[in-house]
C-alpha atoms as a PDB file:
ATOM      1  CA  MET A   1       7.241  17.953  42.172  1.00  0.00           C
ATOM      2  CA  LYS A   2      10.165  15.803  41.092  1.00  0.00           C
ATOM      3  CA  ASN A   3       7.927  12.406  41.560  1.00  0.00           C
ATOM      4  CA  PHE A   4       5.190  14.086  39.578  1.00  0.00           C
ATOM      5  CA  LEU A   5       7.388  14.661  36.749  1.00  0.00           C
ATOM      6  CA  ILE A   6       8.821  11.244  36.728  1.00  0.00           C
ATOM      7  CA  ILE A   7       5.146   9.688  36.891  1.00  0.00           C
ATOM      8  CA  SER A   8       4.167  12.233  34.063  1.00  0.00           C
ATOM      9  CA  PHE A   9       7.070  11.258  31.793  1.00  0.00           C
ATOM     10  CA  LEU A  10       6.685   7.505  32.600  1.00  0.00           C
ATOM     11  CA  LEU A  11       2.734   7.958  31.521  1.00  0.00           C
ATOM     12  CA  LEU A  12       3.812   9.837  28.494  1.00  0.00           C
ATOM     13  CA  ILE A  13       6.247   6.841  27.417  1.00  0.00           C
ATOM     14  CA  GLY A  14       3.776   4.375  27.830  1.00  0.00           C
ATOM     15  CA  PHE A  15       0.729   6.162  26.090  1.00  0.00           C
ATOM     16  CA  ASN A  16       3.406   6.586  23.286  1.00  0.00           C
ATOM     17  CA  ALA A  17       4.373   3.184  23.579  1.00  0.00           C
ATOM     18  CA  PHE A  18       0.680   1.733  23.088  1.00  0.00           C
ATOM     19  CA  GLY A  19      -1.106   4.629  21.237  1.00  0.00           C
ATOM     20  CA  GLN A  20       1.482   5.075  18.595  1.00  0.00           C
ATOM     21  CA  ASN A  21       0.015   6.926  15.412  1.00  0.00           C
ATOM     22  CA  VAL A  22       1.366   5.234  12.281  1.00  0.00           C
ATOM     23  CA  ILE A  23       3.706   7.611  10.182  1.00  0.00           C
ATOM     24  CA  GLU A  24       4.183   7.441   6.492  1.00  0.00           C
ATOM     25  CA  ILE A  25       7.925   8.279   5.741  1.00  0.00           C
ATOM     26  CA  LYS A  26       7.854  10.669   2.965  1.00  0.00           C
ATOM     27  CA  SER A  27      10.378  10.736   0.140  1.00  0.00           C
ATOM     28  CA  LYS A  28      11.081  12.640  -3.065  1.00  0.00           C
ATOM     29  CA  THR A  29      11.237   9.476  -5.091  1.00  0.00           C
ATOM     30  CA  GLY A  30       8.742   6.646  -4.815  1.00  0.00           C
ATOM     31  CA  LEU A  31       7.166   4.011  -6.869  1.00  0.00           C
ATOM     32  CA  LYS A  32       4.485   5.106  -9.042  1.00  0.00           C
ATOM     33  CA  ILE A  33       1.470   2.535  -9.141  1.00  0.00           C
ATOM     34  CA  GLU A  34      -1.264   2.361 -12.321  1.00  0.00           C
ATOM     35  CA  SER A  35      -3.812  -0.027 -11.692  1.00  0.00           C
ATOM     36  CA  THR A  36      -7.072  -0.904 -13.355  1.00  0.00           C
ATOM     37  CA  ILE A  37      -9.675  -2.872 -11.667  1.00  0.00           C
ATOM     38  CA  VAL A  38     -11.559  -5.370 -14.129  1.00  0.00           C
ATOM     39  CA  ASP A  39     -14.087  -8.351 -13.495  1.00  0.00           C
ATOM     40  CA  SER A  40     -13.540 -11.854 -15.054  1.00  0.00           C
ATOM     41  CA  MET A  41     -14.057 -10.913 -18.272  1.00  0.00           C
ATOM     42  CA  SER A  42     -11.665  -7.898 -18.207  1.00  0.00           C
ATOM     43  CA  ASN A  43     -14.135  -5.295 -18.019  1.00  0.00           C
ATOM     44  CA  THR A  44     -13.217  -2.280 -16.098  1.00  0.00           C
ATOM     45  CA  ILE A  45     -15.204  -1.654 -12.616  1.00  0.00           C
ATOM     46  CA  ASN A  46     -15.271   2.022 -12.514  1.00  0.00           C
ATOM     47  CA  SER A  47     -16.567   1.822  -9.084  1.00  0.00           C
ATOM     48  CA  GLY A  48     -13.154  -0.180  -8.052  1.00  0.00           C
ATOM     49  CA  LYS A  49     -10.866   1.701  -5.055  1.00  0.00           C
ATOM     50  CA  VAL A  50      -7.739   0.882  -3.210  1.00  0.00           C
ATOM     51  CA  ASP A  51      -7.331   1.429   0.267  1.00  0.00           C
ATOM     52  CA  ILE A  52      -3.681   2.182   1.455  1.00  0.00           C
ATOM     53  CA  PHE A  53      -2.421   0.772   4.980  1.00  0.00           C
ATOM     54  CA  ILE A  54       0.698   0.898   6.740  1.00  0.00           C
ATOM     55  CA  GLN A  55       0.718  -1.638   9.806  1.00  0.00           C
ATOM     56  CA  ASP A  56      -3.226  -1.998   9.485  1.00  0.00           C
ATOM     57  CA  SER A  57      -3.728   1.907   9.975  1.00  0.00           C
ATOM     58  CA  LEU A  58      -5.863   3.267   6.863  1.00  0.00           C
ATOM     59  CA  ILE A  59      -3.414   5.961   5.490  1.00  0.00           C
ATOM     60  CA  ARG A  60      -5.564   6.843   2.551  1.00  0.00           C
ATOM     61  CA  THR A  61      -8.045   5.766   0.015  1.00  0.00           C
ATOM     62  CA  ILE A  62      -7.348   6.246  -3.900  1.00  0.00           C
ATOM     63  CA  GLU A  63     -10.654   6.556  -6.347  1.00  0.00           C
ATOM     64  CA  PRO A  64     -10.441   5.956 -10.096  1.00  0.00           C
ATOM     65  CA  ASN A  65     -10.175   8.667 -12.307  1.00  0.00           C
ATOM     66  CA  LYS A  66     -12.683   9.050 -15.235  1.00  0.00           C
ATOM     67  CA  LYS A  67     -11.205   6.258 -17.377  1.00  0.00           C
ATOM     68  CA  GLY A  68     -11.037   4.137 -14.166  1.00  0.00           C
ATOM     69  CA  ASN A  69      -7.808   3.943 -13.744  1.00  0.00           C
ATOM     70  CA  LEU A  70      -6.045   4.300  -9.973  1.00  0.00           C
ATOM     71  CA  ILE A  71      -2.911   6.321 -10.388  1.00  0.00           C
ATOM     72  CA  PHE A  72      -0.830   7.286  -7.100  1.00  0.00           C
ATOM     73  CA  LYS A  73       2.443   7.359  -5.568  1.00  0.00           C
ATOM     74  CA  LEU A  74       3.958   5.247  -2.853  1.00  0.00           C
ATOM     75  CA  ASN A  75       6.847   6.616  -0.807  1.00  0.00           C
ATOM     76  CA  ILE A  76      10.371   4.837  -0.494  1.00  0.00           C
ATOM     77  CA  HIS A  77      11.051   3.309   3.167  1.00  0.00           C
ATOM     78  CA  ASN A  78       7.680   1.778   3.858  1.00  0.00           C
ATOM     79  CA  GLN A  79       5.937  -1.163   3.849  1.00  0.00           C
ATOM     80  CA  TYR A  80       2.337  -1.022   2.482  1.00  0.00           C
ATOM     81  CA  LYS A  81      -0.761  -3.041   2.128  1.00  0.00           C
ATOM     82  CA  LEU A  82      -2.970  -2.106  -0.632  1.00  0.00           C
ATOM     83  CA  VAL A  83      -6.515  -3.681  -0.904  1.00  0.00           C
ATOM     84  CA  PHE A  84      -8.371  -3.415  -3.975  1.00  0.00           C
ATOM     85  CA  TYR A  85     -12.051  -3.663  -3.906  1.00  0.00           C
ATOM     86  CA  ALA A  86     -14.876  -3.050  -5.300  1.00  0.00           C
ATOM     87  CA  SER A  87     -18.653  -3.391  -4.405  1.00  0.00           C
ATOM     88  CA  SER A  88     -20.110  -7.192  -4.952  1.00  0.00           C
ATOM     89  CA  TYR A  89     -16.469  -8.395  -5.635  1.00  0.00           C
ATOM     90  CA  GLU A  90     -14.125 -10.182  -3.638  1.00  0.00           C
ATOM     91  CA  SER A  91     -11.216  -7.642  -2.693  1.00  0.00           C
ATOM     92  CA  LYS A  92      -7.864  -8.431  -3.253  1.00  0.00           C
ATOM     93  CA  ILE A  93      -4.374  -7.360  -1.086  1.00  0.00           C
ATOM     94  CA  LEU A  94      -1.188  -6.609  -2.411  1.00  0.00           C
ATOM     95  CA  ILE A  95       2.026  -6.196   0.117  1.00  0.00           C
ATOM     96  CA  VAL A  96       4.229  -3.222  -1.438  1.00  0.00           C
ATOM     97  CA  ASN A  97       7.563  -2.912   0.472  1.00  0.00           C
ATOM     98  CA  THR A  98       9.549  -0.074  -0.782  1.00  0.00           C
ATOM     99  CA  GLU A  99      12.402  -0.260   1.067  1.00  0.00           C
ATOM    100  CA  MET A 100      16.004   0.144  -0.280  1.00  0.00           C
ATOM    101  CA  SER A 101      19.217   1.943   0.215  1.00  0.00           C
ATOM    102  CA  GLU A 102      19.704   5.697  -0.130  1.00  0.00           C
ATOM    103  CA  ASN A 103      22.001   5.121  -3.378  1.00  0.00           C
ATOM    104  CA  ASP A 104      19.385   3.422  -4.918  1.00  0.00           C
ATOM    105  CA  GLU A 105      16.821   6.100  -4.067  1.00  0.00           C
ATOM    106  CA  LEU A 106      19.176   9.009  -4.933  1.00  0.00           C
ATOM    107  CA  ASN A 107      20.141   7.304  -8.437  1.00  0.00           C
ATOM    108  CA  ASN A 108      16.117   7.770  -9.804  1.00  0.00           C
ATOM    109  CA  GLY A 109      13.882  10.457 -10.303  1.00  0.00           C
ATOM    110  CA  GLN A 110      10.396  11.416  -8.711  1.00  0.00           C
ATOM    111  CA  TYR A 111       8.712   8.303 -10.032  1.00  0.00           C
ATOM    112  CA  GLY A 112      11.929   6.296 -10.304  1.00  0.00           C
ATOM    113  CA  TRP A 113       9.621   3.100 -10.650  1.00  0.00           C
ATOM    114  CA  VAL A 114       6.184   2.346 -12.416  1.00  0.00           C
ATOM    115  CA  PHE A 115       4.319  -0.431 -11.518  1.00  0.00           C
ATOM    116  CA  THR A 116       1.375  -1.177 -13.976  1.00  0.00           C
ATOM    117  CA  SER A 117      -1.200  -3.844 -13.393  1.00  0.00           C
ATOM    118  CA  GLU A 118      -4.602  -5.123 -13.976  1.00  0.00           C
ATOM    119  CA  ILE A 119      -6.090  -6.475 -10.722  1.00  0.00           C
ATOM    120  CA  LYS A 120      -9.022  -8.820 -11.675  1.00  0.00           C
ATOM    121  CA  LEU A 121     -11.710  -9.380  -9.118  1.00  0.00           C
ATOM    122  CA  ASN A 122     -14.066 -12.133  -8.734  1.00  0.00           C
ATOM    123  CA  TYR A 123     -17.744 -11.539  -8.221  1.00  0.00           C
ATOM    124  CA  SER A 124     -19.056 -12.340  -4.775  1.00  0.00           C
ATOM    125  CA  LEU A 125     -22.754 -12.653  -3.539  1.00  0.00           C
ATOM    126  CA  ASN A 126     -21.614 -12.000  -0.004  1.00  0.00           C
ATOM    127  CA  ASN A 127     -19.093  -9.570  -0.807  1.00  0.00           C
ATOM    128  CA  GLN A 128     -16.604 -11.591   0.843  1.00  0.00           C
ATOM    129  CA  GLU A 129     -13.076 -10.123   1.585  1.00  0.00           C
ATOM    130  CA  ILE A 130     -10.079 -12.437   0.712  1.00  0.00           C
ATOM    131  CA  LEU A 131      -7.396 -11.655   3.555  1.00  0.00           C
ATOM    132  CA  ASN A 132      -4.388 -13.399   2.133  1.00  0.00           C
ATOM    133  CA  PRO A 133      -2.108 -11.253  -0.190  1.00  0.00           C
ATOM    134  CA  PHE A 134      -2.042 -12.365  -3.907  1.00  0.00           C
ATOM    135  CA  GLY A 135       1.332 -11.053  -4.339  1.00  0.00           C
ATOM    136  CA  GLU A 136       4.280  -8.791  -2.813  1.00  0.00           C
ATOM    137  CA  LEU A 137       5.947  -6.039  -4.785  1.00  0.00           C
ATOM    138  CA  ILE A 138       9.612  -5.467  -3.841  1.00  0.00           C
ATOM    139  CA  TYR A 139      12.570  -3.801  -4.873  1.00  0.00           C
ATOM    140  CA  ASN A 140      15.292  -5.992  -6.327  1.00  0.00           C
ATOM    141  CA  LYS A 141      18.562  -4.333  -5.841  1.00  0.00           C
ATOM    142  CA  LYS A 142      20.483  -6.539  -8.527  1.00  0.00           C
ATOM    143  CA  SER A 143      18.137  -5.482 -11.386  1.00  0.00           C
ATOM    144  CA  GLY A 144      17.067  -1.768  -9.826  1.00  0.00           C
ATOM    145  CA  PHE A 145      13.597  -2.543 -10.384  1.00  0.00           C
ATOM    146  CA  PHE A 146      10.393  -3.445  -8.459  1.00  0.00           C
ATOM    147  CA  GLU A 147       9.158  -7.069  -8.963  1.00  0.00           C
ATOM    148  CA  HIS A 148       6.065  -8.797  -8.530  1.00  0.00           C
ATOM    149  CA  ILE A 149       6.224 -12.071  -6.531  1.00  0.00           C
ATOM    150  CA  PRO A 150       2.874 -14.027  -6.578  1.00  0.00           C
ATOM    151  CA  ILE A 151       2.199 -15.640  -3.703  1.00  0.00           C
ATOM    152  CA  SER A 152       0.081 -19.193  -4.180  1.00  0.00           C
ATOM    153  CA  LYS A 153      -2.728 -20.034  -2.356  1.00  0.00           C
END
């Protein structure tokens, strides 16, 4: 019986190590993202969406409101990959790191930070996906704000 319990425990640890579910850390405060997906002529693409990933696991998909805006909250203490896409357009990736100290988190309200952006997608005949991020959004402790850092190709 003792051997059975030890083997069961080891199997449980092994399955958890290799088959871990990704969990989004919840927080009272967060980063509010307000984005619009546009084409090369700055016309809103109403069919544009954003997939939100943590460690390559899809957490949720955000669809635009009636005005074509994508509005959503990202919790603090997570690293996200946002994939902006629309049918017949190239996808774009934005990396968002919401790590910060507890003091920085406590000093801000429910939406302590708002990031507004216009994501420009290029038309594509083969609906190809761009796998390299175009930028990263990180918290700057000195300024107390999130900053967008472009990543050049």
